Amino acid sequence: MMKNLIYLLPLLLLFSCREKSVTTITVAGFPSTIELEAKTLETDTAILAPSEMFILNDQLWILQSRNNPLFWVYSLDKGNFLYSTGYKGHSSNEFIHPGFMTIQLINEHTFTMLDNSFLKTIEVSKDGILNVLKTESIFDLRPINGFVRLNDSLYCAFADCATGTESDFEYRIKNQNTNKESKFSEYPVLFNFEEKGDERCQLYYKYLVANAKQNKFAAFYGYFNYIRIFKDLELEKEIFIEAIPFKADRENRKNYYKKPYSSEEFIYAPCLSDKIQVWDWEGQPVALLTLEHSFFRFTIDEKRQKLYTISLGEENENKIRVYDIGFLHD
């Protein structure tokens, strides 16, 4: 439920063009700030170590990577526990080491996920049985950090994080059709100092989301109020957010962004502990959502236009909170 409270803020977008037609945008406000009230669903099982949550088979799936089975499944309307599935092991339909934040949906019944540096395409039956359709080797260089599937054949990851290598580029790209790898995109300079290798990669850690239809991906920098949007692997826009006061600190790093959720229309970027920024793929701010409760993980049900969250803490371990976001599509 949404409170009858919508603040209209002045929206100031300052545009400037740099070489290679990169547009720089400074956002001083969002078109609207909306406070959302939650509907709380109480589950009959404790959610203790949620790594990811997503909608599949018209159900709420939560990956609990420390558990076995891995996936715990709940109903969307009542939040009651339905079943668990997906086991650790070495057989063809089991998992060795699921990758952190690497689940991407293909359709309502199929998703991809990194498992021990291999990309698995997984189909789910109506009764929750997992069938691994395909297992692919992606990058020769391990580990694979910051992985995102840009489309059916193009994969992206961080270039140098924990790999023992060092370059001036943020990303490596792999074309599965040609089996060729390359690196691209120079790092931003958001501090006045020089860093290399792992230190620079960690400082400029970012969360990636992709839009295959538009050949775009976006990078939300974890320790900065800063976004980059790429089109056809070329930097198209960079965005500085002044709407929410934040000062980056090199020594005492605090998270500004966490892992976003993206659809073909919007990007939902969690900011601080109880806010979600909504953006379109042109880098335009749509709304700033302030949630009634702070949260740890979230996902979007695009069909029902609902936002689901889970929070940490003993008092929250059996609670799933639901927010109505239908107004974004009015």
C-alpha atoms as a PDB file:
ATOM      1  CA  MET A   1       0.000   0.000   0.000  1.00  0.00           C
ATOM      2  CA  MET A   2       1.250   3.504  -0.807  1.00  0.00           C
ATOM      3  CA  LYS A   3       0.791   6.434   1.491  1.00  0.00           C
ATOM      4  CA  ASN A   4      -1.048   9.357  -0.083  1.00  0.00           C
ATOM      5  CA  LEU A   5       2.167  11.275  -0.039  1.00  0.00           C
ATOM      6  CA  ILE A   6       4.068  12.246  -3.154  1.00  0.00           C
ATOM      7  CA  TYR A   7       6.652  15.000  -2.964  1.00  0.00           C
ATOM      8  CA  LEU A   8       7.469  16.692  -6.210  1.00  0.00           C
ATOM      9  CA  LEU A   9      11.103  17.714  -6.219  1.00  0.00           C
ATOM     10  CA  PRO A  10      12.745  20.055  -8.671  1.00  0.00           C
ATOM     11  CA  LEU A  11      14.522  18.023 -11.294  1.00  0.00           C
ATOM     12  CA  LEU A  12      17.774  19.455 -12.523  1.00  0.00           C
ATOM     13  CA  LEU A  13      19.606  17.601 -15.248  1.00  0.00           C
ATOM     14  CA  LEU A  14      22.795  19.172 -16.447  1.00  0.00           C
ATOM     15  CA  PHE A  15      24.099  17.764 -19.689  1.00  0.00           C
ATOM     16  CA  SER A  16      27.545  18.098 -21.186  1.00  0.00           C
ATOM     17  CA  CYS A  17      29.167  16.163 -23.993  1.00  0.00           C
ATOM     18  CA  ARG A  18      32.691  14.828 -23.956  1.00  0.00           C
ATOM     19  CA  GLU A  19      34.723  13.140 -26.625  1.00  0.00           C
ATOM     20  CA  LYS A  20      33.276   9.949 -28.154  1.00  0.00           C
ATOM     21  CA  SER A  21      29.790  11.421 -27.557  1.00  0.00           C
ATOM     22  CA  VAL A  22      29.706  10.492 -23.868  1.00  0.00           C
ATOM     23  CA  THR A  23      26.955  12.439 -22.120  1.00  0.00           C
ATOM     24  CA  THR A  24      27.507  13.515 -18.517  1.00  0.00           C
ATOM     25  CA  ILE A  25      24.358  13.989 -16.427  1.00  0.00           C
ATOM     26  CA  THR A  26      24.107  15.524 -12.956  1.00  0.00           C
ATOM     27  CA  VAL A  27      20.869  14.655 -11.153  1.00  0.00           C
ATOM     28  CA  ALA A  28      19.930  17.093  -8.393  1.00  0.00           C
ATOM     29  CA  GLY A  29      16.463  15.648  -7.746  1.00  0.00           C
ATOM     30  CA  PHE A  30      13.970  12.960  -8.671  1.00  0.00           C
ATOM     31  CA  PRO A  31      10.620  13.766 -10.335  1.00  0.00           C
ATOM     32  CA  SER A  32       8.830  12.283  -7.329  1.00  0.00           C
ATOM     33  CA  THR A  33       9.675  10.850  -3.925  1.00  0.00           C
ATOM     34  CA  ILE A  34       7.203   8.192  -2.848  1.00  0.00           C
ATOM     35  CA  GLU A  35       6.824   6.605   0.586  1.00  0.00           C
ATOM     36  CA  LEU A  36       5.628   3.006   0.450  1.00  0.00           C
ATOM     37  CA  GLU A  37       3.888   1.011   3.150  1.00  0.00           C
ATOM     38  CA  ALA A  38       4.467  -2.730   3.319  1.00  0.00           C
ATOM     39  CA  LYS A  39       2.169  -5.688   3.508  1.00  0.00           C
ATOM     40  CA  THR A  40       3.959  -8.244   5.690  1.00  0.00           C
ATOM     41  CA  LEU A  41       3.733 -11.956   4.893  1.00  0.00           C
ATOM     42  CA  GLU A  42       4.787 -14.326   7.669  1.00  0.00           C
ATOM     43  CA  THR A  43       6.442 -17.549   6.546  1.00  0.00           C
ATOM     44  CA  ASP A  44       6.584 -20.873   8.349  1.00  0.00           C
ATOM     45  CA  THR A  45      10.349 -21.210   7.825  1.00  0.00           C
ATOM     46  CA  ALA A  46      13.253 -18.968   8.790  1.00  0.00           C
ATOM     47  CA  ILE A  47      15.112 -17.192   5.979  1.00  0.00           C
ATOM     48  CA  LEU A  48      18.604 -17.001   7.449  1.00  0.00           C
ATOM     49  CA  ALA A  49      21.146 -16.571   4.636  1.00  0.00           C
ATOM     50  CA  PRO A  50      19.454 -15.052   1.566  1.00  0.00           C
ATOM     51  CA  SER A  51      21.924 -14.593  -1.294  1.00  0.00           C
ATOM     52  CA  GLU A  52      19.383 -13.707  -3.991  1.00  0.00           C
ATOM     53  CA  MET A  53      15.636 -13.596  -4.553  1.00  0.00           C
ATOM     54  CA  PHE A  54      13.720 -13.721  -7.823  1.00  0.00           C
ATOM     55  CA  ILE A  55      10.363 -14.609  -9.371  1.00  0.00           C
ATOM     56  CA  LEU A  56      10.090 -17.935 -11.216  1.00  0.00           C
ATOM     57  CA  ASN A  57       7.089 -20.133 -12.063  1.00  0.00           C
ATOM     58  CA  ASP A  58       4.855 -17.477 -10.448  1.00  0.00           C
ATOM     59  CA  GLN A  59       6.611 -18.171  -7.155  1.00  0.00           C
ATOM     60  CA  LEU A  60       9.120 -16.341  -4.982  1.00  0.00           C
ATOM     61  CA  TRP A  61      12.495 -18.097  -5.072  1.00  0.00           C
ATOM     62  CA  ILE A  62      15.212 -17.393  -2.508  1.00  0.00           C
ATOM     63  CA  LEU A  63      18.741 -18.687  -2.974  1.00  0.00           C
ATOM     64  CA  GLN A  64      20.257 -19.606   0.392  1.00  0.00           C
ATOM     65  CA  SER A  65      23.749 -20.569  -0.725  1.00  0.00           C
ATOM     66  CA  ARG A  66      24.807 -21.852   2.714  1.00  0.00           C
ATOM     67  CA  ASN A  67      21.946 -24.330   2.814  1.00  0.00           C
ATOM     68  CA  ASN A  68      21.296 -27.625   1.081  1.00  0.00           C
ATOM     69  CA  PRO A  69      18.864 -27.578  -0.744  1.00  0.00           C
ATOM     70  CA  LEU A  70      19.880 -24.203  -2.162  1.00  0.00           C
ATOM     71  CA  PHE A  71      16.562 -22.764  -3.354  1.00  0.00           C
ATOM     72  CA  TRP A  72      13.648 -22.144  -0.991  1.00  0.00           C
ATOM     73  CA  VAL A  73      10.353 -21.408  -2.705  1.00  0.00           C
ATOM     74  CA  TYR A  74       7.389 -19.412  -1.351  1.00  0.00           C
ATOM     75  CA  SER A  75       3.958 -18.404  -2.619  1.00  0.00           C
ATOM     76  CA  LEU A  76       3.635 -14.835  -3.841  1.00  0.00           C
ATOM     77  CA  ASP A  77       0.275 -14.055  -2.284  1.00  0.00           C
ATOM     78  CA  LYS A  78       0.587 -15.560   1.219  1.00  0.00           C
ATOM     79  CA  GLY A  79       4.331 -16.098   1.644  1.00  0.00           C
ATOM     80  CA  ASN A  80       3.901 -19.688   2.820  1.00  0.00           C
ATOM     81  CA  PHE A  81       6.773 -22.118   2.213  1.00  0.00           C
ATOM     82  CA  LEU A  82       6.097 -24.431  -0.737  1.00  0.00           C
ATOM     83  CA  TYR A  83       9.229 -26.560  -1.189  1.00  0.00           C
ATOM     84  CA  SER A  84      13.000 -26.479  -1.520  1.00  0.00           C
ATOM     85  CA  THR A  85      15.056 -27.707  -4.458  1.00  0.00           C
ATOM     86  CA  GLY A  86      18.536 -27.630  -6.020  1.00  0.00           C
ATOM     87  CA  TYR A  87      21.179 -29.679  -4.262  1.00  0.00           C
ATOM     88  CA  LYS A  88      24.916 -29.345  -3.833  1.00  0.00           C
ATOM     89  CA  GLY A  89      26.905 -32.104  -5.452  1.00  0.00           C
ATOM     90  CA  HIS A  90      28.715 -33.197  -8.593  1.00  0.00           C
ATOM     91  CA  SER A  91      25.970 -34.741 -10.703  1.00  0.00           C
ATOM     92  CA  SER A  92      24.688 -33.034 -13.860  1.00  0.00           C
ATOM     93  CA  ASN A  93      21.725 -31.367 -12.134  1.00  0.00           C
ATOM     94  CA  GLU A  94      23.556 -30.402  -8.950  1.00  0.00           C
ATOM     95  CA  PHE A  95      25.689 -27.408  -7.963  1.00  0.00           C
ATOM     96  CA  ILE A  96      29.230 -27.091  -6.648  1.00  0.00           C
ATOM     97  CA  HIS A  97      29.651 -23.403  -5.823  1.00  0.00           C
ATOM     98  CA  PRO A  98      26.878 -21.042  -6.987  1.00  0.00           C
ATOM     99  CA  GLY A  99      28.223 -17.666  -8.076  1.00  0.00           C
ATOM    100  CA  PHE A 100      27.395 -14.582  -6.017  1.00  0.00           C
ATOM    101  CA  MET A 101      24.693 -12.405  -7.608  1.00  0.00           C
ATOM    102  CA  THR A 102      24.803 -14.128 -11.020  1.00  0.00           C
ATOM    103  CA  ILE A 103      21.206 -15.327 -11.515  1.00  0.00           C
ATOM    104  CA  GLN A 104      19.526 -13.921 -14.638  1.00  0.00           C
ATOM    105  CA  LEU A 105      16.116 -14.946 -15.962  1.00  0.00           C
ATOM    106  CA  ILE A 106      15.618 -16.058 -19.566  1.00  0.00           C
ATOM    107  CA  ASN A 107      11.854 -16.572 -19.257  1.00  0.00           C
ATOM    108  CA  GLU A 108       9.314 -17.480 -16.579  1.00  0.00           C
ATOM    109  CA  HIS A 109      10.707 -21.008 -16.241  1.00  0.00           C
ATOM    110  CA  THR A 110      14.403 -20.726 -17.128  1.00  0.00           C
ATOM    111  CA  PHE A 111      17.411 -18.918 -15.678  1.00  0.00           C
ATOM    112  CA  THR A 112      21.199 -18.856 -15.885  1.00  0.00           C
ATOM    113  CA  MET A 113      23.669 -18.913 -13.016  1.00  0.00           C
ATOM    114  CA  LEU A 114      27.414 -19.226 -12.585  1.00  0.00           C
ATOM    115  CA  ASP A 115      28.455 -22.396 -10.807  1.00  0.00           C
ATOM    116  CA  ASN A 116      32.145 -22.850 -10.038  1.00  0.00           C
ATOM    117  CA  SER A 117      33.078 -20.578 -12.987  1.00  0.00           C
ATOM    118  CA  PHE A 118      30.753 -22.390 -15.419  1.00  0.00           C
ATOM    119  CA  LEU A 119      27.544 -20.842 -16.723  1.00  0.00           C
ATOM    120  CA  LYS A 120      24.557 -23.147 -16.311  1.00  0.00           C
ATOM    121  CA  THR A 121      21.230 -22.729 -18.090  1.00  0.00           C
ATOM    122  CA  ILE A 122      18.542 -24.213 -15.837  1.00  0.00           C
ATOM    123  CA  GLU A 123      14.933 -25.054 -16.596  1.00  0.00           C
ATOM    124  CA  VAL A 124      12.433 -25.529 -13.787  1.00  0.00           C
ATOM    125  CA  SER A 125       9.433 -27.841 -14.055  1.00  0.00           C
ATOM    126  CA  LYS A 126       6.048 -26.959 -12.549  1.00  0.00           C
ATOM    127  CA  ASP A 127       6.809 -29.153  -9.547  1.00  0.00           C
ATOM    128  CA  GLY A 128      10.195 -27.512  -8.944  1.00  0.00           C
ATOM    129  CA  ILE A 129      12.553 -30.094 -10.448  1.00  0.00           C
ATOM    130  CA  LEU A 130      15.704 -28.459 -11.853  1.00  0.00           C
ATOM    131  CA  ASN A 131      17.077 -29.574 -15.201  1.00  0.00           C
ATOM    132  CA  VAL A 132      20.448 -28.189 -16.319  1.00  0.00           C
ATOM    133  CA  LEU A 133      20.023 -27.703 -20.070  1.00  0.00           C
ATOM    134  CA  LYS A 134      23.533 -26.464 -20.792  1.00  0.00           C
ATOM    135  CA  THR A 135      26.870 -25.951 -19.021  1.00  0.00           C
ATOM    136  CA  GLU A 136      29.385 -23.574 -20.627  1.00  0.00           C
ATOM    137  CA  SER A 137      32.948 -22.612 -19.860  1.00  0.00           C
ATOM    138  CA  ILE A 138      33.089 -18.818 -20.031  1.00  0.00           C
ATOM    139  CA  PHE A 139      36.419 -17.164 -19.270  1.00  0.00           C
ATOM    140  CA  ASP A 140      39.813 -18.825 -19.252  1.00  0.00           C
ATOM    141  CA  LEU A 141      40.967 -16.525 -16.434  1.00  0.00           C
ATOM    142  CA  ARG A 142      39.554 -17.255 -12.989  1.00  0.00           C
ATOM    143  CA  PRO A 143      37.946 -16.220 -10.716  1.00  0.00           C
ATOM    144  CA  ILE A 144      35.017 -14.564 -12.490  1.00  0.00           C
ATOM    145  CA  ASN A 145      33.840 -11.474 -10.594  1.00  0.00           C
ATOM    146  CA  GLY A 146      31.130  -9.043 -11.629  1.00  0.00           C
ATOM    147  CA  PHE A 147      29.644 -11.448 -14.164  1.00  0.00           C
ATOM    148  CA  VAL A 148      26.673 -10.450 -16.340  1.00  0.00           C
ATOM    149  CA  ARG A 149      25.156 -12.108 -19.405  1.00  0.00           C
ATOM    150  CA  LEU A 150      24.638  -9.316 -21.949  1.00  0.00           C
ATOM    151  CA  ASN A 151      22.777 -11.514 -24.443  1.00  0.00           C
ATOM    152  CA  ASP A 152      22.702 -15.147 -25.576  1.00  0.00           C
ATOM    153  CA  SER A 153      26.333 -15.135 -26.711  1.00  0.00           C
ATOM    154  CA  LEU A 154      28.054 -12.123 -25.140  1.00  0.00           C
ATOM    155  CA  TYR A 155      29.313 -12.280 -21.546  1.00  0.00           C
ATOM    156  CA  CYS A 156      31.001  -9.636 -19.412  1.00  0.00           C
ATOM    157  CA  ALA A 157      32.975  -9.649 -16.138  1.00  0.00           C
ATOM    158  CA  PHE A 158      35.505  -7.536 -14.258  1.00  0.00           C
ATOM    159  CA  ALA A 159      38.901  -7.533 -15.927  1.00  0.00           C
ATOM    160  CA  ASP A 160      41.314  -7.800 -13.012  1.00  0.00           C
ATOM    161  CA  CYS A 161      39.589  -8.477  -9.689  1.00  0.00           C
ATOM    162  CA  ALA A 162      41.526 -11.224  -7.834  1.00  0.00           C
ATOM    163  CA  THR A 163      42.946 -12.602 -11.087  1.00  0.00           C
ATOM    164  CA  GLY A 164      46.591 -11.650 -10.531  1.00  0.00           C
ATOM    165  CA  THR A 165      46.517  -9.492 -13.654  1.00  0.00           C
ATOM    166  CA  GLU A 166      46.606  -5.720 -14.046  1.00  0.00           C
ATOM    167  CA  SER A 167      45.343  -3.463 -16.813  1.00  0.00           C
ATOM    168  CA  ASP A 168      43.728  -0.060 -17.318  1.00  0.00           C
ATOM    169  CA  PHE A 169      40.376  -1.558 -18.294  1.00  0.00           C
ATOM    170  CA  GLU A 170      37.380  -2.353 -16.115  1.00  0.00           C
ATOM    171  CA  TYR A 171      35.844  -5.209 -18.083  1.00  0.00           C
ATOM    172  CA  ARG A 172      36.600  -8.288 -20.118  1.00  0.00           C
ATOM    173  CA  ILE A 173      34.155  -9.498 -22.715  1.00  0.00           C
ATOM    174  CA  LYS A 174      33.702 -12.969 -24.184  1.00  0.00           C
ATOM    175  CA  ASN A 175      31.913 -13.736 -27.436  1.00  0.00           C
ATOM    176  CA  GLN A 176      30.848 -17.364 -27.234  1.00  0.00           C
ATOM    177  CA  ASN A 177      30.172 -17.520 -30.982  1.00  0.00           C
ATOM    178  CA  THR A 178      33.723 -16.511 -31.934  1.00  0.00           C
ATOM    179  CA  ASN A 179      35.409 -17.698 -28.713  1.00  0.00           C
ATOM    180  CA  LYS A 180      37.268 -14.381 -28.552  1.00  0.00           C
ATOM    181  CA  GLU A 181      38.006 -12.328 -25.426  1.00  0.00           C
ATOM    182  CA  SER A 182      38.887  -8.654 -25.150  1.00  0.00           C
ATOM    183  CA  LYS A 183      38.990  -5.856 -22.571  1.00  0.00           C
ATOM    184  CA  PHE A 184      37.282  -2.478 -22.687  1.00  0.00           C
ATOM    185  CA  SER A 185      36.290   0.669 -20.749  1.00  0.00           C
ATOM    186  CA  GLU A 186      38.873   2.688 -18.869  1.00  0.00           C
ATOM    187  CA  TYR A 187      38.268   3.233 -15.160  1.00  0.00           C
ATOM    188  CA  PRO A 188      36.652   6.473 -13.995  1.00  0.00           C
ATOM    189  CA  VAL A 189      38.740   8.823 -11.888  1.00  0.00           C
ATOM    190  CA  LEU A 190      36.610   9.710  -8.879  1.00  0.00           C
ATOM    191  CA  PHE A 191      39.506  10.233  -6.454  1.00  0.00           C
ATOM    192  CA  ASN A 192      42.665  12.197  -7.073  1.00  0.00           C
ATOM    193  CA  PHE A 193      45.132   9.346  -6.684  1.00  0.00           C
ATOM    194  CA  GLU A 194      46.539   6.383  -8.589  1.00  0.00           C
ATOM    195  CA  GLU A 195      45.588   2.809  -7.779  1.00  0.00           C
ATOM    196  CA  LYS A 196      46.233  -0.365  -9.735  1.00  0.00           C
ATOM    197  CA  GLY A 197      45.110  -3.982  -9.855  1.00  0.00           C
ATOM    198  CA  ASP A 198      42.974  -5.393  -7.076  1.00  0.00           C
ATOM    199  CA  GLU A 199      42.945  -2.204  -5.003  1.00  0.00           C
ATOM    200  CA  ARG A 200      41.494  -0.178  -7.854  1.00  0.00           C
ATOM    201  CA  CYS A 201      39.014  -2.899  -8.788  1.00  0.00           C
ATOM    202  CA  GLN A 202      37.783  -3.130  -5.213  1.00  0.00           C
ATOM    203  CA  LEU A 203      37.506   0.620  -4.813  1.00  0.00           C
ATOM    204  CA  TYR A 204      35.513   0.904  -8.038  1.00  0.00           C
ATOM    205  CA  TYR A 205      33.417  -2.198  -7.381  1.00  0.00           C
ATOM    206  CA  LYS A 206      30.150  -1.988  -9.266  1.00  0.00           C
ATOM    207  CA  TYR A 207      26.943  -3.925  -9.886  1.00  0.00           C
ATOM    208  CA  LEU A 208      26.007  -4.660 -13.488  1.00  0.00           C
ATOM    209  CA  VAL A 209      22.579  -5.100 -15.086  1.00  0.00           C
ATOM    210  CA  ALA A 210      21.835  -5.706 -18.764  1.00  0.00           C
ATOM    211  CA  ASN A 211      19.145  -4.936 -21.322  1.00  0.00           C
ATOM    212  CA  ALA A 212      19.653  -7.330 -24.241  1.00  0.00           C
ATOM    213  CA  LYS A 213      16.863  -5.765 -26.300  1.00  0.00           C
ATOM    214  CA  GLN A 214      18.620  -2.388 -26.369  1.00  0.00           C
ATOM    215  CA  ASN A 215      22.195  -3.778 -26.353  1.00  0.00           C
ATOM    216  CA  LYS A 216      22.856  -1.874 -23.156  1.00  0.00           C
ATOM    217  CA  PHE A 217      24.238  -2.508 -19.713  1.00  0.00           C
ATOM    218  CA  ALA A 218      24.522  -0.255 -16.681  1.00  0.00           C
ATOM    219  CA  ALA A 219      27.108  -0.119 -13.898  1.00  0.00           C
ATOM    220  CA  PHE A 220      26.132   1.141 -10.438  1.00  0.00           C
ATOM    221  CA  TYR A 221      29.254   1.868  -8.384  1.00  0.00           C
ATOM    222  CA  GLY A 222      28.945   0.493  -4.865  1.00  0.00           C
ATOM    223  CA  TYR A 223      30.955   3.148  -3.023  1.00  0.00           C
ATOM    224  CA  PHE A 224      29.984   6.182  -5.118  1.00  0.00           C
ATOM    225  CA  ASN A 225      26.838   8.037  -6.159  1.00  0.00           C
ATOM    226  CA  TYR A 226      27.820   7.337  -9.749  1.00  0.00           C
ATOM    227  CA  ILE A 227      26.386   5.351 -12.692  1.00  0.00           C
ATOM    228  CA  ARG A 228      27.637   4.445 -16.159  1.00  0.00           C
ATOM    229  CA  ILE A 229      25.450   3.264 -19.063  1.00  0.00           C
ATOM    230  CA  PHE A 230      26.962   1.464 -22.055  1.00  0.00           C
ATOM    231  CA  LYS A 231      25.457   1.009 -25.510  1.00  0.00           C
ATOM    232  CA  ASP A 232      27.035  -1.560 -27.889  1.00  0.00           C
ATOM    233  CA  LEU A 233      29.981  -1.810 -25.434  1.00  0.00           C
ATOM    234  CA  GLU A 234      30.679   1.933 -25.758  1.00  0.00           C
ATOM    235  CA  LEU A 235      30.269   4.289 -22.822  1.00  0.00           C
ATOM    236  CA  GLU A 236      27.138   6.292 -23.606  1.00  0.00           C
ATOM    237  CA  LYS A 237      26.324   8.151 -20.380  1.00  0.00           C
ATOM    238  CA  GLU A 238      27.803   8.814 -16.972  1.00  0.00           C
ATOM    239  CA  ILE A 239      25.570  10.045 -14.170  1.00  0.00           C
ATOM    240  CA  PHE A 240      26.406  11.834 -10.925  1.00  0.00           C
ATOM    241  CA  ILE A 241      23.634  11.776  -8.304  1.00  0.00           C
ATOM    242  CA  GLU A 242      23.427  14.799  -6.006  1.00  0.00           C
ATOM    243  CA  ALA A 243      19.820  14.205  -4.937  1.00  0.00           C
ATOM    244  CA  ILE A 244      20.822  12.110  -1.904  1.00  0.00           C
ATOM    245  CA  PRO A 245      23.773  13.578   0.030  1.00  0.00           C
ATOM    246  CA  PHE A 246      26.708  11.184   0.098  1.00  0.00           C
ATOM    247  CA  LYS A 247      30.434  11.590   0.478  1.00  0.00           C
ATOM    248  CA  ALA A 248      32.687   8.826  -0.796  1.00  0.00           C
ATOM    249  CA  ASP A 249      35.429   7.863   1.645  1.00  0.00           C
ATOM    250  CA  ARG A 250      38.471   6.019   0.356  1.00  0.00           C
ATOM    251  CA  GLU A 251      39.469   4.617   3.749  1.00  0.00           C
ATOM    252  CA  ASN A 252      36.098   3.980   5.418  1.00  0.00           C
ATOM    253  CA  ARG A 253      34.003   2.771   2.545  1.00  0.00           C
ATOM    254  CA  LYS A 254      30.247   2.858   2.884  1.00  0.00           C
ATOM    255  CA  ASN A 255      27.847   1.328   0.406  1.00  0.00           C
ATOM    256  CA  TYR A 256      25.798   3.720  -1.658  1.00  0.00           C
ATOM    257  CA  TYR A 257      24.437   1.207  -4.170  1.00  0.00           C
ATOM    258  CA  LYS A 258      23.738  -2.503  -3.912  1.00  0.00           C
ATOM    259  CA  LYS A 259      22.701  -4.978  -6.598  1.00  0.00           C
ATOM    260  CA  PRO A 260      19.949  -3.496  -8.841  1.00  0.00           C
ATOM    261  CA  TYR A 261      17.092  -5.251 -10.587  1.00  0.00           C
ATOM    262  CA  SER A 262      16.431  -4.429 -14.235  1.00  0.00           C
ATOM    263  CA  SER A 263      13.556  -4.863 -16.685  1.00  0.00           C
ATOM    264  CA  GLU A 264      13.315  -3.706 -20.299  1.00  0.00           C
ATOM    265  CA  GLU A 265      11.733  -0.483 -19.037  1.00  0.00           C
ATOM    266  CA  PHE A 266      13.294   0.381 -15.673  1.00  0.00           C
ATOM    267  CA  ILE A 267      16.304  -0.162 -13.433  1.00  0.00           C
ATOM    268  CA  TYR A 268      15.576  -0.431  -9.699  1.00  0.00           C
ATOM    269  CA  ALA A 269      18.729   0.489  -7.771  1.00  0.00           C
ATOM    270  CA  PRO A 270      18.762  -0.019  -3.968  1.00  0.00           C
ATOM    271  CA  CYS A 271      20.388   2.950  -2.296  1.00  0.00           C
ATOM    272  CA  LEU A 272      21.400   3.093   1.359  1.00  0.00           C
ATOM    273  CA  SER A 273      19.194   0.879   3.581  1.00  0.00           C
ATOM    274  CA  ASP A 274      15.575   1.768   2.795  1.00  0.00           C
ATOM    275  CA  LYS A 275      15.514   3.492  -0.600  1.00  0.00           C
ATOM    276  CA  ILE A 276      15.266   2.355  -4.203  1.00  0.00           C
ATOM    277  CA  GLN A 277      16.036   4.667  -7.084  1.00  0.00           C
ATOM    278  CA  VAL A 278      14.089   4.001 -10.288  1.00  0.00           C
ATOM    279  CA  TRP A 279      15.798   4.880 -13.585  1.00  0.00           C
ATOM    280  CA  ASP A 280      15.027   4.382 -17.238  1.00  0.00           C
ATOM    281  CA  TRP A 281      17.627   3.099 -19.701  1.00  0.00           C
ATOM    282  CA  GLU A 282      18.297   6.613 -21.021  1.00  0.00           C
ATOM    283  CA  GLY A 283      19.725   7.576 -17.643  1.00  0.00           C
ATOM    284  CA  GLN A 284      16.674   9.596 -16.626  1.00  0.00           C
ATOM    285  CA  PRO A 285      15.492   9.399 -12.988  1.00  0.00           C
ATOM    286  CA  VAL A 286      11.904   8.197 -12.654  1.00  0.00           C
ATOM    287  CA  ALA A 287      11.207   8.058  -8.912  1.00  0.00           C
ATOM    288  CA  LEU A 288      12.805   7.665  -5.512  1.00  0.00           C
ATOM    289  CA  LEU A 289      11.049   5.035  -3.397  1.00  0.00           C
ATOM    290  CA  THR A 290      11.355   5.141   0.388  1.00  0.00           C
ATOM    291  CA  LEU A 291      10.310   1.824   1.896  1.00  0.00           C
ATOM    292  CA  GLU A 292       8.675   1.423   5.290  1.00  0.00           C
ATOM    293  CA  HIS A 293      11.313  -1.117   6.365  1.00  0.00           C
ATOM    294  CA  SER A 294      15.020  -1.384   5.662  1.00  0.00           C
ATOM    295  CA  PHE A 295      15.880  -4.440   3.580  1.00  0.00           C
ATOM    296  CA  PHE A 296      18.714  -6.762   2.593  1.00  0.00           C
ATOM    297  CA  ARG A 297      17.481  -8.332  -0.653  1.00  0.00           C
ATOM    298  CA  PHE A 298      14.660  -7.426  -3.022  1.00  0.00           C
ATOM    299  CA  THR A 299      13.083  -8.383  -6.325  1.00  0.00           C
ATOM    300  CA  ILE A 300      10.343  -7.165  -8.657  1.00  0.00           C
ATOM    301  CA  ASP A 301       7.271  -9.054  -9.829  1.00  0.00           C
ATOM    302  CA  GLU A 302       6.728  -7.337 -13.168  1.00  0.00           C
ATOM    303  CA  LYS A 303       3.498  -9.190 -13.946  1.00  0.00           C
ATOM    304  CA  ARG A 304       1.769  -8.173 -10.693  1.00  0.00           C
ATOM    305  CA  GLN A 305       3.700  -4.911 -10.280  1.00  0.00           C
ATOM    306  CA  LYS A 306       4.876  -5.757  -6.774  1.00  0.00           C
ATOM    307  CA  LEU A 307       8.170  -5.288  -4.966  1.00  0.00           C
ATOM    308  CA  TYR A 308       9.277  -8.012  -2.515  1.00  0.00           C
ATOM    309  CA  THR A 309      11.917  -7.544   0.199  1.00  0.00           C
ATOM    310  CA  ILE A 310      13.561  -9.568   2.942  1.00  0.00           C
ATOM    311  CA  SER A 311      15.503  -8.164   5.877  1.00  0.00           C
ATOM    312  CA  LEU A 312      18.147  -9.444   8.259  1.00  0.00           C
ATOM    313  CA  GLY A 313      17.768  -9.901  12.011  1.00  0.00           C
ATOM    314  CA  GLU A 314      15.986 -12.411  14.212  1.00  0.00           C
ATOM    315  CA  GLU A 315      12.824 -10.315  14.219  1.00  0.00           C
ATOM    316  CA  ASN A 316      12.678 -10.458  10.395  1.00  0.00           C
ATOM    317  CA  GLU A 317      13.759 -14.024   9.618  1.00  0.00           C
ATOM    318  CA  ASN A 318      10.205 -15.246   8.988  1.00  0.00           C
ATOM    319  CA  LYS A 319       8.919 -12.144   7.184  1.00  0.00           C
ATOM    320  CA  ILE A 320       8.541 -11.240   3.514  1.00  0.00           C
ATOM    321  CA  ARG A 321       7.370  -7.706   2.799  1.00  0.00           C
ATOM    322  CA  VAL A 322       5.411  -6.680  -0.277  1.00  0.00           C
ATOM    323  CA  TYR A 323       4.976  -3.204  -1.771  1.00  0.00           C
ATOM    324  CA  ASP A 324       2.653  -2.084  -4.556  1.00  0.00           C
ATOM    325  CA  ILE A 325       4.503  -0.284  -7.406  1.00  0.00           C
ATOM    326  CA  GLY A 326       1.701  -0.232  -9.977  1.00  0.00           C
ATOM    327  CA  PHE A 327       1.770   3.574  -9.982  1.00  0.00           C
ATOM    328  CA  LEU A 328       5.060   3.482 -11.903  1.00  0.00           C
ATOM    329  CA  HIS A 329       3.135   2.219 -14.929  1.00  0.00           C
ATOM    330  CA  ASP A 330       0.164   4.603 -14.732  1.00  0.00           C
END
